[in-house]
Protein backbone atom coordinates (compact mmCIF):
# COMPACT_ATOMS: atom_id res chain seq x y z
CA MET A 1 -12.42 13.05 31.22
CA ASP A 2 -10.12 10.64 32.80
CA ASN A 3 -9.34 8.70 29.56
CA VAL A 4 -8.29 11.88 27.53
CA SER A 5 -4.59 11.77 26.70
CA LEU A 6 -2.41 14.54 28.03
CA VAL A 7 0.11 14.01 25.12
CA THR A 8 -0.19 16.74 22.58
CA GLU A 9 2.73 15.80 20.32
CA PHE A 10 5.01 12.81 19.57
CA THR A 11 8.77 12.71 18.83
CA LEU A 12 9.94 10.60 15.94
CA TRP A 13 13.34 8.95 16.55
CA GLY A 14 13.52 6.98 13.34
CA LEU A 15 16.50 8.68 11.73
CA GLY A 16 19.20 7.63 14.22
CA GLU A 17 22.59 7.55 13.04
CA ALA A 18 21.32 8.77 9.45
CA GLU A 19 20.80 12.31 11.05
CA SER A 20 24.37 13.32 10.11
CA HIS A 21 23.38 12.59 6.36
CA ARG A 22 20.07 14.11 6.46
CA TRP A 23 20.54 16.58 3.42
CA LEU A 24 21.81 13.63 1.37
CA LEU A 25 18.82 11.58 2.50
CA PHE A 26 16.70 14.65 1.65
CA SER A 27 17.86 14.78 -1.86
CA VAL A 28 17.38 11.06 -2.51
CA THR A 29 13.79 11.15 -0.85
CA LEU A 30 12.79 14.15 -2.73
CA LEU A 31 13.86 12.53 -5.97
CA SER A 32 12.11 9.28 -5.05
CA TYR A 33 8.97 11.07 -4.36
CA CYS A 34 9.04 12.97 -7.67
CA LEU A 35 9.64 9.69 -9.49
CA ILE A 36 6.50 8.17 -7.53
CA LEU A 37 4.35 11.12 -8.53
CA LEU A 38 5.62 11.04 -12.21
CA VAL A 39 5.15 7.28 -12.95
CA ASN A 40 1.75 6.77 -11.09
CA GLY A 41 0.38 10.09 -12.32
CA THR A 42 1.38 9.11 -15.86
CA LEU A 43 -0.38 5.62 -15.76
CA VAL A 44 -3.44 7.11 -14.05
CA LEU A 45 -3.73 9.78 -16.81
CA THR A 46 -3.14 7.03 -19.53
CA VAL A 47 -5.97 4.96 -18.26
CA VAL A 48 -8.38 7.99 -17.70
CA VAL A 49 -7.75 9.53 -21.04
CA ASP A 50 -7.94 6.42 -23.18
CA LYS A 51 -11.31 4.87 -23.61
CA ASN A 52 -9.95 1.56 -24.84
CA LEU A 53 -8.39 1.20 -21.45
CA HIS A 54 -11.66 1.29 -19.60
CA GLN A 55 -11.67 -2.13 -18.93
CA PRO A 56 -11.67 -4.03 -15.42
CA MET A 57 -8.01 -4.90 -15.50
CA TYR A 58 -6.92 -1.39 -16.36
CA VAL A 59 -9.45 0.16 -13.90
CA PHE A 60 -7.95 -1.87 -11.02
CA LEU A 61 -4.48 -0.93 -11.96
CA CYS A 62 -5.38 2.74 -12.10
CA ASN A 63 -6.82 2.40 -8.63
CA LEU A 64 -3.60 0.61 -7.42
CA CYS A 65 -1.67 3.63 -8.58
CA LEU A 66 -4.11 6.16 -7.03
CA ASN A 67 -3.77 4.33 -3.97
CA GLY A 68 0.06 4.53 -4.14
CA LEU A 69 -0.24 8.16 -4.61
CA TYR A 70 -2.54 8.39 -1.45
CA GLY A 71 -0.30 6.40 0.70
CA THR A 72 2.96 7.99 -0.15
CA ALA A 73 1.27 11.49 0.32
CA GLY A 74 0.90 10.50 4.00
CA PHE A 75 4.50 9.82 4.51
CA TYR A 76 7.01 11.76 2.05
CA PRO A 77 5.99 15.39 2.59
CA LYS A 78 6.22 15.01 6.45
CA PHE A 79 9.49 13.06 6.11
CA LEU A 80 11.00 15.63 3.88
CA LEU A 81 9.87 18.36 6.38
CA ASP A 82 11.56 16.38 9.26
CA LEU A 83 14.74 15.96 7.21
CA ALA A 84 14.82 19.78 6.76
CA SER A 85 14.24 20.46 10.49
CA VAL A 86 16.17 20.03 13.61
CA SER A 87 13.44 18.56 15.82
CA HIS A 88 11.19 15.52 14.36
CA VAL A 89 7.86 16.16 16.14
CA ILE A 90 4.39 15.49 14.96
CA SER A 91 1.15 16.71 16.63
CA TYR A 92 -1.15 14.14 18.35
CA GLY A 93 -3.91 14.65 15.71
CA GLY A 94 -1.46 14.50 12.81
CA CYS A 95 0.07 11.32 14.17
CA LEU A 96 -3.30 9.61 14.29
CA LEU A 97 -4.14 10.86 10.73
CA GLN A 98 -0.77 9.55 9.39
CA ALA A 99 -1.34 6.09 11.15
CA PHE A 100 -4.88 6.09 9.55
CA VAL A 101 -3.43 6.72 6.00
CA MET A 102 -0.67 4.30 6.40
CA TYR A 103 -2.78 1.44 7.50
CA SER A 104 -5.69 2.11 5.01
CA PHE A 105 -3.16 2.42 2.18
CA ALA A 106 -1.65 -0.87 2.88
CA CYS A 107 -4.97 -2.69 3.27
CA SER A 108 -6.46 -0.94 0.16
CA ASP A 109 -3.31 -2.14 -1.72
CA LEU A 110 -4.03 -5.70 -0.63
CA SER A 111 -7.73 -5.44 -1.52
CA ILE A 112 -7.07 -4.07 -5.01
CA LEU A 113 -4.37 -6.86 -5.66
CA THR A 114 -6.97 -9.36 -4.69
CA LEU A 115 -9.35 -8.01 -7.13
CA MET A 116 -6.80 -8.03 -9.84
CA SER A 117 -6.16 -11.76 -9.10
CA PHE A 118 -9.90 -12.51 -9.18
CA ASP A 119 -10.29 -10.68 -12.41
CA ARG A 120 -7.51 -12.67 -13.99
CA TYR A 121 -9.15 -15.81 -12.76
CA LEU A 122 -12.36 -14.91 -14.54
CA ALA A 123 -10.67 -13.65 -17.87
CA ILE A 124 -8.47 -16.69 -18.11
CA CYS A 125 -10.50 -19.51 -16.54
CA ARG A 126 -14.08 -18.43 -17.37
CA PRO A 127 -13.59 -16.16 -20.54
CA LEU A 128 -17.15 -16.83 -21.87
CA GLN A 129 -18.71 -15.55 -18.70
CA TYR A 130 -16.24 -12.79 -18.01
CA ARG A 131 -18.25 -9.90 -19.61
CA ALA A 132 -21.33 -10.97 -17.94
CA LEU A 133 -19.75 -11.24 -14.51
CA MET A 134 -17.41 -8.18 -14.68
CA THR A 135 -19.90 -5.62 -15.65
CA ARG A 136 -19.35 -1.85 -15.07
CA ARG A 137 -21.66 -1.84 -12.00
CA ARG A 138 -19.80 -4.86 -10.60
CA VAL A 139 -16.37 -3.31 -11.15
CA LEU A 140 -17.65 -0.06 -9.42
CA GLN A 141 -18.90 -2.06 -6.41
CA LEU A 142 -15.60 -4.01 -6.15
CA VAL A 143 -13.56 -0.81 -6.34
CA CYS A 144 -15.65 0.87 -3.68
CA PHE A 145 -15.35 -2.19 -1.46
CA SER A 146 -11.39 -2.10 -1.89
CA TRP A 147 -11.47 1.59 -0.82
CA LEU A 148 -14.30 1.85 1.74
CA THR A 149 -13.62 -1.28 3.74
CA PRO A 150 -10.06 -0.17 4.89
CA LEU A 151 -11.26 3.33 5.39
CA CYS A 152 -14.10 2.26 7.70
CA LEU A 153 -11.99 -0.45 9.47
CA PHE A 154 -9.19 1.99 10.39
CA SER A 155 -11.52 4.83 11.29
CA VAL A 156 -12.79 2.62 14.15
CA ASN A 157 -9.10 1.58 14.98
CA VAL A 158 -7.88 5.19 15.18
CA LEU A 159 -10.98 6.22 17.08
CA LEU A 160 -10.21 3.43 19.67
CA THR A 161 -6.47 4.67 19.83
CA SER A 162 -7.61 8.18 20.32
CA ARG A 163 -9.54 7.20 23.54
CA LEU A 164 -6.41 5.65 25.14
CA PRO A 165 -4.59 7.47 28.06
CA LEU A 166 -1.00 7.79 26.94
CA CYS A 167 1.96 7.96 29.29
CA ARG A 168 4.85 8.39 26.79
CA SER A 169 5.41 10.43 23.66
CA SER A 170 8.57 8.91 21.88
CA ILE A 171 7.94 6.83 18.74
CA PRO A 172 11.14 5.07 17.35
CA ARG A 173 10.00 5.13 13.92
CA LEU A 174 10.14 7.56 10.92
CA PHE A 175 6.32 7.80 10.97
CA CYS A 176 3.27 7.10 13.14
CA VAL A 177 1.94 3.69 13.29
CA ASN A 178 -1.27 2.75 15.08
CA TRP A 179 0.13 -0.13 16.93
CA VAL A 180 3.06 1.76 18.23
CA VAL A 181 0.98 4.58 19.46
CA VAL A 182 -1.24 1.84 21.26
CA GLN A 183 1.83 0.57 22.94
CA LEU A 184 2.38 3.87 24.57
CA ALA A 185 -0.96 3.47 26.63
CA CYS A 186 -0.54 3.82 30.38
CA SER A 187 -2.20 0.51 30.95
CA PRO A 188 -2.12 -2.60 28.67
CA GLY A 189 -5.73 -3.37 29.67
CA ASP A 190 -6.93 -0.26 28.09
CA ALA A 191 -5.79 -1.54 24.62
CA LEU A 192 -8.01 -4.59 24.65
CA PRO A 193 -10.61 -3.09 22.25
CA ASN A 194 -7.82 -2.41 19.83
CA SER A 195 -6.48 -5.81 20.07
CA VAL A 196 -9.86 -7.26 19.12
CA MET A 197 -10.27 -4.87 16.18
CA ALA A 198 -6.79 -5.80 15.09
CA PHE A 199 -7.83 -9.40 15.17
CA VAL A 200 -10.91 -8.75 12.99
CA THR A 201 -8.76 -6.93 10.47
CA ILE A 202 -6.27 -9.76 10.37
CA VAL A 203 -9.10 -12.21 9.72
CA LEU A 204 -10.56 -10.17 6.95
CA TYR A 205 -7.31 -9.78 5.19
CA VAL A 206 -6.42 -13.51 5.62
CA ALA A 207 -9.62 -14.08 3.75
CA HIS A 208 -8.18 -11.82 0.93
CA ALA A 209 -5.03 -13.88 0.81
CA LEU A 210 -7.21 -17.03 0.35
CA VAL A 211 -8.95 -15.61 -2.56
CA ILE A 212 -5.65 -14.77 -4.18
CA LEU A 213 -4.26 -18.23 -3.53
CA GLY A 214 -7.58 -19.83 -4.81
CA SER A 215 -7.41 -17.76 -7.94
CA TYR A 216 -3.93 -18.70 -8.67
CA VAL A 217 -4.48 -22.56 -8.15
CA TYR A 218 -7.28 -22.51 -10.79
CA LEU A 219 -4.93 -20.15 -13.09
CA ILE A 220 -2.02 -22.50 -12.85
CA LYS A 221 -4.30 -25.54 -13.50
CA THR A 222 -5.80 -23.95 -16.51
CA CYS A 223 -2.25 -22.85 -17.89
CA ARG A 224 -1.06 -26.30 -17.82
CA ARG A 225 -3.64 -27.29 -20.42
CA SER A 226 -3.34 -24.52 -22.92
CA VAL A 227 -0.38 -22.82 -24.53
CA GLU A 228 -2.54 -19.71 -25.44
CA VAL A 229 -3.67 -19.39 -21.77
CA ARG A 230 -0.13 -19.71 -20.66
CA GLY A 231 0.78 -16.65 -22.94
CA LYS A 232 -1.99 -14.61 -21.17
CA PHE A 233 -0.72 -15.61 -17.78
CA MET A 234 2.83 -14.53 -18.53
CA GLN A 235 1.44 -11.16 -20.08
CA THR A 236 -0.85 -10.24 -17.16
CA CYS A 237 -0.35 -12.38 -14.06
CA VAL A 238 3.43 -12.43 -13.78
CA PRO A 239 3.42 -8.60 -13.25
CA HIS A 240 0.67 -9.01 -10.70
CA LEU A 241 2.62 -11.75 -8.71
CA ILE A 242 5.76 -9.67 -8.66
CA CYS A 243 3.85 -6.61 -7.39
CA LEU A 244 2.02 -8.90 -4.77
CA PHE A 245 5.13 -10.49 -3.46
CA THR A 246 6.99 -7.38 -3.25
CA PHE A 247 4.25 -5.71 -1.40
CA LEU A 248 3.63 -8.61 1.05
CA ILE A 249 7.25 -9.22 1.79
CA GLY A 250 7.65 -5.63 2.89
CA ILE A 251 4.50 -5.51 4.96
CA VAL A 252 4.92 -8.92 6.63
CA PHE A 253 8.59 -8.18 7.51
CA ASP A 254 7.60 -4.77 9.03
CA LEU A 255 4.71 -6.25 11.01
CA MET A 256 6.83 -9.17 12.33
CA TYR A 257 9.53 -6.69 13.19
CA MET A 258 7.37 -4.35 14.98
CA ARG A 259 5.74 -7.03 17.17
CA PHE A 260 8.60 -9.51 17.68
CA GLY A 261 11.86 -8.13 16.30
CA SER A 262 15.11 -7.43 18.08
CA LYS A 263 15.97 -3.82 18.92
CA ASP A 264 19.63 -4.69 18.34
CA LEU A 265 19.39 -4.12 14.53
CA PRO A 266 21.00 -0.93 13.24
CA GLN A 267 18.46 1.96 13.26
CA SER A 268 18.96 2.54 9.45
CA LEU A 269 18.04 -1.16 8.76
CA GLN A 270 15.03 -0.81 11.03
CA SER A 271 13.99 2.38 9.16
CA PHE A 272 14.36 0.73 5.72
CA ILE A 273 12.23 -2.19 6.69
CA ALA A 274 9.57 0.17 7.99
CA VAL A 275 9.44 2.30 4.56
CA GLU A 276 10.20 -0.35 2.07
CA PHE A 277 6.50 -0.76 1.19
CA LEU A 278 6.22 2.99 0.68
CA LEU A 279 9.33 3.05 -1.51
CA ILE A 280 9.51 0.10 -3.78
CA PRO A 281 5.92 -0.90 -4.76
CA PRO A 282 4.81 2.69 -5.57
CA VAL A 283 7.64 2.92 -8.03
CA MET A 284 7.77 -0.64 -9.41
CA ASN A 285 3.99 -1.14 -9.83
CA PRO A 286 3.36 1.44 -12.70
CA LEU A 287 6.81 0.89 -14.30
CA LEU A 288 6.24 -2.90 -14.42
CA TYR A 289 2.79 -2.77 -15.83
CA GLY A 290 3.76 0.14 -18.11
CA PHE A 291 6.40 -1.89 -19.78
CA LYS A 292 4.63 -5.22 -19.57
CA LEU A 293 1.12 -4.37 -20.87
CA ARG A 294 1.30 -3.59 -24.66
CA LYS A 295 -1.84 -1.28 -24.70
CA ILE A 296 -0.48 0.84 -21.80
CA ARG A 297 3.07 0.94 -23.34
CA ARG A 298 1.88 1.93 -26.78
CA ARG A 299 -0.34 4.72 -25.21
CA ILE A 300 2.44 6.20 -23.01
CA LEU A 301 4.79 6.18 -26.07
CA ALA A 302 2.13 7.92 -27.99
CA PHE A 303 1.81 10.73 -25.35
CA VAL A 304 5.55 11.28 -25.59
CA ASP A 305 5.49 10.94 -29.35
CA VAL A 306 7.96 8.17 -29.39
CA ARG A 307 7.50 5.30 -31.90
CA PRO A 308 8.16 1.77 -30.33
CA VAL A 309 11.08 -0.07 -32.06
CA ALA A 310 9.92 -2.73 -34.26
């Protein structure tokens, strides 16, 4: 077939000048990944084991941590292998799989954060209707939507990318990204279906952002009228806002830089911008919620047999 790529593997050039410090970077990366596994795994286990935490807010939080484990599993093991190796190559199929995991992880994170904002809107602004609206069936449907929509979207994206004839095999990043692979196509015209699919994806997730914005407009209006509601907002919504902004800042910076950024930036800074959403949110989300939400904090302290200080 004419449109089958002759490229069988890609070379990742994201390390740059950090190559000379790769064993130090290996140690730091391994420590970071172990921390991510520990804090996310602990929070997931806490929510699963304690039936008192089988409520919509904690179910969504559990899925946020599961998604963090899913996304980081697509990056850290391969990156650690690259740091331990002289050559940094990835197979064609492995590259597409990694691109699929990275994109679906990022979009699932945004979907789950959207559900969490909508859940807080219902709990605080419409408390009398909350139980009727957020039934177990509804929660299950929303969770399935947050996972299946990105998986379906990026299955199509990656399928379209796999049909492109590629004339280059060099990727100036630490991991594979679908848009970067598309830019390796022999003819820009071949990537038109990819651009259309990318536009559809952007529209869908802009709609997610509008749901978040609308939820917080109503939440802030409600908080202005009640001191009690203000306390609930500080307890449950502030951690959500911090997680949301940390995630969005990393993703938006990376997307803007990938498409419009200058290549004059140091390679180490480019690499940090690229991996920020795989480093900070997966560590911060469970720690922030674990310390902020009293039920989770008490349950975790009970696991390790530590009594909270009065």
